[in-house]
Amino acid sequence: MAKKDSDQLENELKFEIIRDTREQQGWFFKDFLQKDQSLIEEKLNQGDYALKGLENYCIIERKKSVDEVINNFCNKNEHERITKEIEKLIKSTMNVYFVLSFTVDDLRRGSRYSRVPPNFILSSILELEMKYNVRFIFAGKSDEYIAYRILSKVWSYYVKKESRW
């Protein structure tokens, strides 16, 4: 998709958050959406959340728990699958965020279902950030709010061309 200028984008788009139809127990953003904003459910080729028409600008992948991250990044087969998914994502999307619904302290406590050391998990996350230039955000209970703020900033930066700096 060719990048469009902000006037074209603003005329063609409205603020619609896409929630992937496969996302289970996800966010609805009901406490954050403004009157001219909406949430729709559609199948996304990649990720769990995006802005309609701006899928090439930002994708959010939600990770619910330490156990999900251990399974995705520390299990050999899953690690290979997720690495290929990240490689595909970064080729088509400018900004990739993993919003983690747990804190660093939760990670440090580890998992009662796995013996994977917390330091190994954190090292895996840091390595993925460095290697692929993706962002992992330990959001805890603020996960939905942070995801909304990311999408709002993408909208204001790429569509409205508003910048703080």
C-alpha atoms as a PDB file:
ATOM      1  CA  MET A   1       0.000   0.000   0.000  1.00  0.00           C
ATOM      2  CA  ALA A   2       1.407   3.362  -0.987  1.00  0.00           C
ATOM      3  CA  LYS A   3       1.580   5.897   1.797  1.00  0.00           C
ATOM      4  CA  LYS A   4      -1.014   8.667   1.451  1.00  0.00           C
ATOM      5  CA  ASP A   5      -0.696  12.248   2.614  1.00  0.00           C
ATOM      6  CA  SER A   6      -2.606  13.349   5.710  1.00  0.00           C
ATOM      7  CA  ASP A   7      -5.319  15.255   3.785  1.00  0.00           C
ATOM      8  CA  GLN A   8      -6.164  12.137   1.756  1.00  0.00           C
ATOM      9  CA  LEU A   9      -6.186   9.984   4.880  1.00  0.00           C
ATOM     10  CA  GLU A  10      -8.357  12.369   6.867  1.00  0.00           C
ATOM     11  CA  ASN A  11     -10.900  12.649   4.053  1.00  0.00           C
ATOM     12  CA  GLU A  12     -11.061   8.901   3.445  1.00  0.00           C
ATOM     13  CA  LEU A  13     -10.925   7.547   6.986  1.00  0.00           C
ATOM     14  CA  LYS A  14     -12.778   7.703  10.244  1.00  0.00           C
ATOM     15  CA  PHE A  15     -11.404   6.546  13.584  1.00  0.00           C
ATOM     16  CA  GLU A  16     -12.404   2.873  13.701  1.00  0.00           C
ATOM     17  CA  ILE A  17     -10.494   0.385  15.812  1.00  0.00           C
ATOM     18  CA  ILE A  18     -10.503  -3.091  14.303  1.00  0.00           C
ATOM     19  CA  ARG A  19     -10.604  -5.924  16.783  1.00  0.00           C
ATOM     20  CA  ASP A  20      -9.685  -9.227  15.159  1.00  0.00           C
ATOM     21  CA  THR A  21     -12.585 -11.684  15.117  1.00  0.00           C
ATOM     22  CA  ARG A  22     -10.321 -14.370  16.611  1.00  0.00           C
ATOM     23  CA  GLU A  23      -9.468 -12.232  19.646  1.00  0.00           C
ATOM     24  CA  GLN A  24     -10.986 -13.841  22.730  1.00  0.00           C
ATOM     25  CA  GLN A  25     -11.818 -11.834  25.858  1.00  0.00           C
ATOM     26  CA  GLY A  26     -10.307  -8.745  24.311  1.00  0.00           C
ATOM     27  CA  TRP A  27     -10.750  -5.050  24.771  1.00  0.00           C
ATOM     28  CA  PHE A  28     -13.832  -3.015  23.823  1.00  0.00           C
ATOM     29  CA  PHE A  29     -12.435   0.450  24.711  1.00  0.00           C
ATOM     30  CA  LYS A  30     -15.887   1.491  25.984  1.00  0.00           C
ATOM     31  CA  ASP A  31     -14.377   3.792  28.626  1.00  0.00           C
ATOM     32  CA  PHE A  32     -12.160   5.556  26.086  1.00  0.00           C
ATOM     33  CA  LEU A  33     -13.908   5.855  22.710  1.00  0.00           C
ATOM     34  CA  GLN A  34     -15.090   9.350  21.805  1.00  0.00           C
ATOM     35  CA  LYS A  35     -18.414  10.013  20.055  1.00  0.00           C
ATOM     36  CA  ASP A  36     -16.811  10.024  16.584  1.00  0.00           C
ATOM     37  CA  GLN A  37     -14.820   6.822  17.231  1.00  0.00           C
ATOM     38  CA  SER A  38     -15.920   3.194  17.057  1.00  0.00           C
ATOM     39  CA  LEU A  39     -14.840  -0.393  17.489  1.00  0.00           C
ATOM     40  CA  ILE A  40     -15.564  -2.916  14.752  1.00  0.00           C
ATOM     41  CA  GLU A  41     -14.825  -6.619  14.524  1.00  0.00           C
ATOM     42  CA  GLU A  42     -13.136  -7.845  11.367  1.00  0.00           C
ATOM     43  CA  LYS A  43     -10.580 -10.470  10.538  1.00  0.00           C
ATOM     44  CA  LEU A  44      -7.095  -9.016  10.607  1.00  0.00           C
ATOM     45  CA  ASN A  45      -4.384 -10.805   8.650  1.00  0.00           C
ATOM     46  CA  GLN A  46      -1.958 -10.019  11.455  1.00  0.00           C
ATOM     47  CA  GLY A  47      -2.232  -8.814  15.015  1.00  0.00           C
ATOM     48  CA  ASP A  48      -5.214  -8.316  17.289  1.00  0.00           C
ATOM     49  CA  TYR A  49      -5.962  -4.574  16.909  1.00  0.00           C
ATOM     50  CA  ALA A  50      -5.426  -1.902  14.268  1.00  0.00           C
ATOM     51  CA  LEU A  51      -7.042   1.229  12.898  1.00  0.00           C
ATOM     52  CA  LYS A  52      -9.141   0.684   9.783  1.00  0.00           C
ATOM     53  CA  GLY A  53      -7.192   1.918   6.777  1.00  0.00           C
ATOM     54  CA  LEU A  54      -4.020   2.284   8.827  1.00  0.00           C
ATOM     55  CA  GLU A  55      -3.139  -1.381   9.248  1.00  0.00           C
ATOM     56  CA  ASN A  56       0.232  -0.729   7.574  1.00  0.00           C
ATOM     57  CA  TYR A  57       1.001   1.994  10.124  1.00  0.00           C
ATOM     58  CA  CYS A  58       0.367   0.141  13.406  1.00  0.00           C
ATOM     59  CA  ILE A  59      -0.591  -3.298  14.676  1.00  0.00           C
ATOM     60  CA  ILE A  60      -1.134  -4.230  18.310  1.00  0.00           C
ATOM     61  CA  GLU A  61      -0.680  -7.790  19.463  1.00  0.00           C
ATOM     62  CA  ARG A  62      -2.155  -8.499  22.897  1.00  0.00           C
ATOM     63  CA  LYS A  63      -0.572 -11.005  25.281  1.00  0.00           C
ATOM     64  CA  LYS A  64      -2.810 -11.858  28.232  1.00  0.00           C
ATOM     65  CA  SER A  65      -0.445 -13.594  30.610  1.00  0.00           C
ATOM     66  CA  VAL A  66       3.075 -14.620  31.494  1.00  0.00           C
ATOM     67  CA  ASP A  67       2.070 -18.172  30.522  1.00  0.00           C
ATOM     68  CA  GLU A  68       1.043 -17.057  27.024  1.00  0.00           C
ATOM     69  CA  VAL A  69       4.388 -15.288  26.559  1.00  0.00           C
ATOM     70  CA  ILE A  70       6.274 -18.345  27.827  1.00  0.00           C
ATOM     71  CA  ASN A  71       4.371 -20.516  25.365  1.00  0.00           C
ATOM     72  CA  ASN A  72       4.881 -18.095  22.457  1.00  0.00           C
ATOM     73  CA  PHE A  73       8.510 -17.162  23.003  1.00  0.00           C
ATOM     74  CA  CYS A  74      10.097 -19.996  24.983  1.00  0.00           C
ATOM     75  CA  ASN A  75       8.522 -23.078  23.377  1.00  0.00           C
ATOM     76  CA  LYS A  76      10.762 -23.990  20.403  1.00  0.00           C
ATOM     77  CA  ASN A  77       7.973 -24.672  17.889  1.00  0.00           C
ATOM     78  CA  GLU A  78       5.918 -21.660  18.968  1.00  0.00           C
ATOM     79  CA  HIS A  79       9.030 -19.458  19.006  1.00  0.00           C
ATOM     80  CA  GLU A  80       9.759 -20.329  15.375  1.00  0.00           C
ATOM     81  CA  ARG A  81       6.135 -19.617  14.413  1.00  0.00           C
ATOM     82  CA  ILE A  82       5.980 -16.304  16.272  1.00  0.00           C
ATOM     83  CA  THR A  83       9.363 -15.227  14.891  1.00  0.00           C
ATOM     84  CA  LYS A  84       8.104 -15.809  11.343  1.00  0.00           C
ATOM     85  CA  GLU A  85       4.955 -13.875  12.219  1.00  0.00           C
ATOM     86  CA  ILE A  86       7.029 -10.942  13.532  1.00  0.00           C
ATOM     87  CA  GLU A  87       9.216 -11.001  10.411  1.00  0.00           C
ATOM     88  CA  LYS A  88       6.083 -10.861   8.262  1.00  0.00           C
ATOM     89  CA  LEU A  89       4.604  -8.074  10.420  1.00  0.00           C
ATOM     90  CA  ILE A  90       7.637  -5.799  10.241  1.00  0.00           C
ATOM     91  CA  LYS A  91       7.710  -6.077   6.440  1.00  0.00           C
ATOM     92  CA  SER A  92       4.159  -4.734   6.160  1.00  0.00           C
ATOM     93  CA  THR A  93       3.697  -2.553   9.269  1.00  0.00           C
ATOM     94  CA  MET A  94       5.640   0.486  10.426  1.00  0.00           C
ATOM     95  CA  ASN A  95       4.908   0.139  14.169  1.00  0.00           C
ATOM     96  CA  VAL A  96       4.379  -3.169  15.956  1.00  0.00           C
ATOM     97  CA  TYR A  97       3.407  -3.194  19.626  1.00  0.00           C
ATOM     98  CA  PHE A  98       3.000  -6.127  21.978  1.00  0.00           C
ATOM     99  CA  VAL A  99       0.827  -4.912  24.836  1.00  0.00           C
ATOM    100  CA  LEU A 100       1.308  -7.253  27.789  1.00  0.00           C
ATOM    101  CA  SER A 101      -1.562  -7.534  30.259  1.00  0.00           C
ATOM    102  CA  PHE A 102       0.861  -8.102  33.118  1.00  0.00           C
ATOM    103  CA  THR A 103       3.673  -6.211  34.807  1.00  0.00           C
ATOM    104  CA  VAL A 104       7.393  -6.820  35.057  1.00  0.00           C
ATOM    105  CA  ASP A 105       6.784  -7.863  38.681  1.00  0.00           C
ATOM    106  CA  ASP A 106       4.311 -10.494  37.442  1.00  0.00           C
ATOM    107  CA  LEU A 107       6.977 -11.730  35.045  1.00  0.00           C
ATOM    108  CA  ARG A 108       9.603 -11.811  37.806  1.00  0.00           C
ATOM    109  CA  ARG A 109       7.303 -14.061  39.858  1.00  0.00           C
ATOM    110  CA  GLY A 110       7.311 -16.486  36.943  1.00  0.00           C
ATOM    111  CA  SER A 111       4.691 -19.081  36.202  1.00  0.00           C
ATOM    112  CA  ARG A 112       3.372 -21.857  38.360  1.00  0.00           C
ATOM    113  CA  TYR A 113       2.923 -23.930  35.167  1.00  0.00           C
ATOM    114  CA  SER A 114       6.456 -23.559  33.829  1.00  0.00           C
ATOM    115  CA  ARG A 115      10.010 -23.747  35.080  1.00  0.00           C
ATOM    116  CA  VAL A 116      11.266 -21.222  32.541  1.00  0.00           C
ATOM    117  CA  PRO A 117      13.297 -18.673  34.536  1.00  0.00           C
ATOM    118  CA  PRO A 118      11.947 -15.109  34.452  1.00  0.00           C
ATOM    119  CA  ASN A 119      15.365 -13.797  33.337  1.00  0.00           C
ATOM    120  CA  PHE A 120      15.203 -16.042  30.272  1.00  0.00           C
ATOM    121  CA  ILE A 121      11.741 -14.727  29.386  1.00  0.00           C
ATOM    122  CA  LEU A 122      12.821 -11.095  29.764  1.00  0.00           C
ATOM    123  CA  SER A 123      15.996 -11.741  27.759  1.00  0.00           C
ATOM    124  CA  SER A 124      13.882 -13.279  24.980  1.00  0.00           C
ATOM    125  CA  ILE A 125      11.603 -10.219  24.921  1.00  0.00           C
ATOM    126  CA  LEU A 126      14.561  -7.805  24.872  1.00  0.00           C
ATOM    127  CA  GLU A 127      16.234  -9.748  22.082  1.00  0.00           C
ATOM    128  CA  LEU A 128      13.045  -9.640  19.975  1.00  0.00           C
ATOM    129  CA  GLU A 129      12.808  -5.884  20.553  1.00  0.00           C
ATOM    130  CA  MET A 130      16.392  -5.331  19.450  1.00  0.00           C
ATOM    131  CA  LYS A 131      16.392  -7.739  16.532  1.00  0.00           C
ATOM    132  CA  TYR A 132      13.056  -6.706  15.010  1.00  0.00           C
ATOM    133  CA  ASN A 133      12.525  -3.163  16.339  1.00  0.00           C
ATOM    134  CA  VAL A 134       9.167  -4.082  17.884  1.00  0.00           C
ATOM    135  CA  ARG A 135       7.933  -2.769  21.212  1.00  0.00           C
ATOM    136  CA  PHE A 136       6.809  -4.752  24.235  1.00  0.00           C
ATOM    137  CA  ILE A 137       4.877  -2.768  26.833  1.00  0.00           C
ATOM    138  CA  PHE A 138       4.354  -4.220  30.303  1.00  0.00           C
ATOM    139  CA  ALA A 139       0.959  -2.599  30.808  1.00  0.00           C
ATOM    140  CA  GLY A 140      -0.626  -4.644  33.574  1.00  0.00           C
ATOM    141  CA  LYS A 141      -4.158  -3.489  34.349  1.00  0.00           C
ATOM    142  CA  SER A 142      -3.661  -0.398  32.171  1.00  0.00           C
ATOM    143  CA  ASP A 143      -3.383  -2.569  29.055  1.00  0.00           C
ATOM    144  CA  GLU A 144      -6.623  -1.446  27.400  1.00  0.00           C
ATOM    145  CA  TYR A 145      -5.909   2.223  28.101  1.00  0.00           C
ATOM    146  CA  ILE A 146      -2.369   1.972  26.726  1.00  0.00           C
ATOM    147  CA  ALA A 147      -3.580   0.188  23.582  1.00  0.00           C
ATOM    148  CA  TYR A 148      -6.164   2.931  23.054  1.00  0.00           C
ATOM    149  CA  ARG A 149      -3.537   5.657  23.567  1.00  0.00           C
ATOM    150  CA  ILE A 150      -1.225   3.995  21.030  1.00  0.00           C
ATOM    151  CA  LEU A 151      -4.014   3.864  18.444  1.00  0.00           C
ATOM    152  CA  SER A 152      -5.048   7.444  19.217  1.00  0.00           C
ATOM    153  CA  LYS A 153      -1.472   8.631  18.766  1.00  0.00           C
ATOM    154  CA  VAL A 154      -1.170   6.771  15.463  1.00  0.00           C
ATOM    155  CA  TRP A 155      -4.350   8.545  14.326  1.00  0.00           C
ATOM    156  CA  SER A 156      -3.188  11.995  15.406  1.00  0.00           C
ATOM    157  CA  TYR A 157       0.354  11.523  14.088  1.00  0.00           C
ATOM    158  CA  TYR A 158      -0.331   9.950  10.685  1.00  0.00           C
ATOM    159  CA  VAL A 159      -3.786  11.329   9.866  1.00  0.00           C
ATOM    160  CA  LYS A 160      -4.013  14.657  11.680  1.00  0.00           C
ATOM    161  CA  LYS A 161      -0.234  15.274  11.472  1.00  0.00           C
ATOM    162  CA  GLU A 162      -0.148  16.397  15.085  1.00  0.00           C
ATOM    163  CA  SER A 163       3.098  16.003  16.937  1.00  0.00           C
ATOM    164  CA  ARG A 164       4.211  17.095  20.394  1.00  0.00           C
ATOM    165  CA  TRP A 165       7.726  17.940  19.148  1.00  0.00           C
END
